[in-house]
Amino acid sequence: MGQAKPFQPELDTTSHLFLVGRSTAGFWVARDLEGRSEGIFRDKKDAVRFALFEGGHANAVMLSPNAVEPSFGMGVR
């Protein structure tokens, strides 16, 4: 019999696009447009940093001129 290959977890190599903007409550929201990930932050710098890290590439962030409200896991609205 052949030798078994060691288990290697599959990495999610797909990149995601994030919408970053200020909510009507004054917090900064970074939300994956596919509804998979979201963060609420006190300042823009942290929201953008989160989106860049989670998005996986330098063009992962779209800054919104309009209010971005948190979805609280309910998907993109």
N, C-alpha and C. Protein backbone atom coordinates (compact mmCIF):
# COMPACT_ATOMS: atom_id res chain seq x y z
N MET A 1 0.83 -1.18 0.00
CA MET A 1 0.00 0.00 0.00
C MET A 1 0.88 1.24 0.00
N GLY A 2 0.34 2.30 -0.61
CA GLY A 2 1.06 3.57 -0.66
C GLY A 2 1.00 4.30 0.67
N GLN A 3 1.90 5.22 0.81
CA GLN A 3 1.96 6.00 2.03
C GLN A 3 0.86 7.07 2.03
N ALA A 4 0.21 7.24 3.17
CA ALA A 4 -0.85 8.24 3.30
C ALA A 4 -0.25 9.65 3.31
N LYS A 5 -0.93 10.55 2.65
CA LYS A 5 -0.49 11.94 2.65
C LYS A 5 -0.90 12.59 3.97
N PRO A 6 -0.04 13.44 4.53
CA PRO A 6 -0.43 14.11 5.77
C PRO A 6 -1.59 15.07 5.52
N PHE A 7 -2.41 15.24 6.54
CA PHE A 7 -3.57 16.12 6.43
C PHE A 7 -3.10 17.56 6.29
N GLN A 8 -3.63 18.25 5.30
CA GLN A 8 -3.35 19.67 5.13
C GLN A 8 -4.68 20.40 4.99
N PRO A 9 -5.00 21.27 5.95
CA PRO A 9 -6.27 21.99 5.86
C PRO A 9 -6.29 22.89 4.63
N GLU A 10 -7.46 23.02 4.06
CA GLU A 10 -7.62 23.86 2.89
C GLU A 10 -7.71 25.32 3.33
N LEU A 11 -6.86 26.16 2.76
CA LEU A 11 -6.87 27.57 3.10
C LEU A 11 -7.83 28.32 2.19
N ASP A 12 -8.51 29.30 2.76
CA ASP A 12 -9.40 30.14 1.97
C ASP A 12 -8.54 31.20 1.29
N THR A 13 -8.22 30.98 0.03
CA THR A 13 -7.33 31.90 -0.68
C THR A 13 -8.10 32.94 -1.49
N THR A 14 -9.42 32.90 -1.42
CA THR A 14 -10.20 33.90 -2.15
C THR A 14 -10.14 35.23 -1.41
N SER A 15 -10.12 36.29 -2.15
CA SER A 15 -10.08 37.60 -1.53
C SER A 15 -11.50 38.15 -1.44
N HIS A 16 -11.67 39.07 -0.56
CA HIS A 16 -12.99 39.65 -0.31
C HIS A 16 -12.92 41.16 -0.41
N LEU A 17 -14.02 41.76 -0.76
CA LEU A 17 -14.12 43.21 -0.87
C LEU A 17 -14.92 43.73 0.32
N PHE A 18 -14.40 44.75 0.98
CA PHE A 18 -15.03 45.31 2.17
C PHE A 18 -15.50 46.73 1.91
N LEU A 19 -16.67 47.03 2.43
CA LEU A 19 -17.20 48.38 2.44
C LEU A 19 -16.92 48.96 3.82
N VAL A 20 -16.27 50.12 3.86
CA VAL A 20 -15.93 50.77 5.13
C VAL A 20 -16.57 52.14 5.15
N GLY A 21 -17.28 52.43 6.23
CA GLY A 21 -17.90 53.74 6.36
C GLY A 21 -18.36 53.97 7.78
N ARG A 22 -18.76 55.19 8.04
CA ARG A 22 -19.23 55.56 9.37
C ARG A 22 -20.72 55.29 9.49
N SER A 23 -21.13 54.75 10.63
CA SER A 23 -22.56 54.49 10.86
C SER A 23 -23.22 55.76 11.38
N THR A 24 -24.54 55.75 11.43
CA THR A 24 -25.27 56.92 11.95
C THR A 24 -25.02 57.11 13.44
N ALA A 25 -24.56 56.05 14.12
CA ALA A 25 -24.24 56.14 15.54
C ALA A 25 -22.83 56.66 15.77
N GLY A 26 -22.05 56.85 14.68
CA GLY A 26 -20.71 57.40 14.81
C GLY A 26 -19.58 56.39 14.83
N PHE A 27 -19.90 55.11 14.79
CA PHE A 27 -18.86 54.09 14.75
C PHE A 27 -18.46 53.82 13.31
N TRP A 28 -17.28 53.25 13.12
CA TRP A 28 -16.82 52.85 11.80
C TRP A 28 -17.13 51.38 11.60
N VAL A 29 -17.69 51.05 10.45
CA VAL A 29 -18.09 49.68 10.13
C VAL A 29 -17.29 49.21 8.92
N ALA A 30 -16.75 47.99 9.02
CA ALA A 30 -16.09 47.34 7.89
C ALA A 30 -16.86 46.05 7.64
N ARG A 31 -17.47 45.94 6.46
CA ARG A 31 -18.34 44.80 6.17
C ARG A 31 -17.98 44.17 4.84
N ASP A 32 -17.76 42.87 4.86
CA ASP A 32 -17.51 42.09 3.66
C ASP A 32 -18.78 42.12 2.81
N LEU A 33 -18.65 42.43 1.53
CA LEU A 33 -19.83 42.52 0.67
C LEU A 33 -20.53 41.19 0.48
N GLU A 34 -19.86 40.09 0.80
CA GLU A 34 -20.49 38.77 0.71
C GLU A 34 -21.16 38.37 2.02
N GLY A 35 -21.06 39.22 3.03
CA GLY A 35 -21.73 38.95 4.30
C GLY A 35 -21.03 37.94 5.19
N ARG A 36 -19.76 37.67 4.94
CA ARG A 36 -19.05 36.67 5.73
C ARG A 36 -18.35 37.24 6.96
N SER A 37 -17.99 38.52 6.92
CA SER A 37 -17.20 39.09 8.00
C SER A 37 -17.58 40.56 8.18
N GLU A 38 -17.51 41.01 9.43
CA GLU A 38 -17.87 42.39 9.73
C GLU A 38 -17.21 42.81 11.02
N GLY A 39 -16.87 44.08 11.12
CA GLY A 39 -16.31 44.61 12.35
C GLY A 39 -16.82 46.01 12.59
N ILE A 40 -16.93 46.39 13.87
CA ILE A 40 -17.37 47.71 14.27
C ILE A 40 -16.24 48.31 15.10
N PHE A 41 -15.83 49.54 14.74
CA PHE A 41 -14.64 50.13 15.32
C PHE A 41 -14.89 51.57 15.75
N ARG A 42 -14.02 52.07 16.63
CA ARG A 42 -14.12 53.46 17.08
C ARG A 42 -13.49 54.43 16.09
N ASP A 43 -12.50 53.96 15.32
CA ASP A 43 -11.89 54.89 14.37
C ASP A 43 -11.67 54.24 13.00
N LYS A 44 -11.52 55.10 12.03
CA LYS A 44 -11.39 54.69 10.63
C LYS A 44 -10.15 53.82 10.41
N LYS A 45 -9.05 54.19 11.05
CA LYS A 45 -7.79 53.45 10.88
C LYS A 45 -7.96 51.98 11.22
N ASP A 46 -8.61 51.68 12.33
CA ASP A 46 -8.80 50.28 12.74
C ASP A 46 -9.75 49.54 11.80
N ALA A 47 -10.77 50.24 11.32
CA ALA A 47 -11.71 49.61 10.38
C ALA A 47 -11.02 49.25 9.07
N VAL A 48 -10.20 50.16 8.57
CA VAL A 48 -9.47 49.90 7.32
C VAL A 48 -8.44 48.79 7.52
N ARG A 49 -7.74 48.81 8.64
CA ARG A 49 -6.75 47.76 8.93
C ARG A 49 -7.42 46.38 8.96
N PHE A 50 -8.56 46.28 9.61
CA PHE A 50 -9.31 45.03 9.67
C PHE A 50 -9.71 44.57 8.27
N ALA A 51 -10.23 45.50 7.47
CA ALA A 51 -10.68 45.16 6.12
C ALA A 51 -9.52 44.70 5.24
N LEU A 52 -8.38 45.36 5.35
CA LEU A 52 -7.21 44.96 4.57
C LEU A 52 -6.73 43.57 4.98
N PHE A 53 -6.69 43.30 6.28
CA PHE A 53 -6.25 41.99 6.76
C PHE A 53 -7.22 40.89 6.33
N GLU A 54 -8.50 41.12 6.58
CA GLU A 54 -9.51 40.11 6.25
C GLU A 54 -9.70 39.97 4.73
N GLY A 55 -9.56 41.07 4.01
CA GLY A 55 -9.77 41.04 2.57
C GLY A 55 -8.69 40.32 1.81
N GLY A 56 -7.48 40.36 2.32
CA GLY A 56 -6.41 39.58 1.72
C GLY A 56 -5.67 40.25 0.58
N HIS A 57 -5.98 41.51 0.27
CA HIS A 57 -5.23 42.20 -0.77
C HIS A 57 -5.37 43.71 -0.58
N ALA A 58 -4.47 44.45 -1.22
CA ALA A 58 -4.39 45.90 -1.02
C ALA A 58 -5.61 46.65 -1.53
N ASN A 59 -6.37 46.07 -2.46
CA ASN A 59 -7.55 46.74 -3.01
C ASN A 59 -8.84 46.21 -2.40
N ALA A 60 -8.78 45.75 -1.17
CA ALA A 60 -9.93 45.12 -0.53
C ALA A 60 -10.93 46.11 0.05
N VAL A 61 -10.58 47.40 0.07
CA VAL A 61 -11.39 48.37 0.79
C VAL A 61 -12.04 49.37 -0.16
N MET A 62 -13.34 49.56 0.03
CA MET A 62 -14.07 50.64 -0.64
C MET A 62 -14.61 51.55 0.46
N LEU A 63 -14.19 52.82 0.46
CA LEU A 63 -14.71 53.77 1.44
C LEU A 63 -16.04 54.32 0.95
N SER A 64 -17.03 54.28 1.80
CA SER A 64 -18.36 54.73 1.43
C SER A 64 -18.59 56.18 1.85
N PRO A 65 -19.10 57.00 0.95
CA PRO A 65 -19.45 58.37 1.34
C PRO A 65 -20.76 58.41 2.13
N ASN A 66 -21.51 57.32 2.08
CA ASN A 66 -22.80 57.21 2.78
C ASN A 66 -22.61 56.42 4.07
N ALA A 67 -23.59 56.51 4.94
CA ALA A 67 -23.55 55.75 6.20
C ALA A 67 -23.55 54.25 5.91
N VAL A 68 -22.75 53.52 6.67
CA VAL A 68 -22.71 52.05 6.58
C VAL A 68 -23.14 51.52 7.93
N GLU A 69 -24.28 50.88 7.95
CA GLU A 69 -24.82 50.35 9.21
C GLU A 69 -24.39 48.90 9.39
N PRO A 70 -24.09 48.50 10.61
CA PRO A 70 -23.73 47.10 10.85
C PRO A 70 -24.91 46.18 10.56
N SER A 71 -24.61 45.01 10.02
CA SER A 71 -25.68 44.07 9.70
C SER A 71 -25.94 43.10 10.84
N PHE A 72 -25.01 43.03 11.81
CA PHE A 72 -25.14 42.12 12.94
C PHE A 72 -25.42 40.68 12.50
N GLY A 73 -24.71 40.25 11.44
CA GLY A 73 -24.84 38.88 10.97
C GLY A 73 -26.04 38.60 10.10
N MET A 74 -26.77 39.63 9.72
CA MET A 74 -27.98 39.44 8.93
C MET A 74 -27.72 39.55 7.42
N GLY A 75 -26.45 39.71 7.01
CA GLY A 75 -26.13 39.81 5.60
C GLY A 75 -26.03 41.25 5.15
N VAL A 76 -25.76 41.43 3.89
CA VAL A 76 -25.58 42.75 3.33
C VAL A 76 -26.93 43.41 3.08
N ARG A 77 -27.05 44.69 3.47
CA ARG A 77 -28.28 45.44 3.24
C ARG A 77 -27.96 46.71 2.53
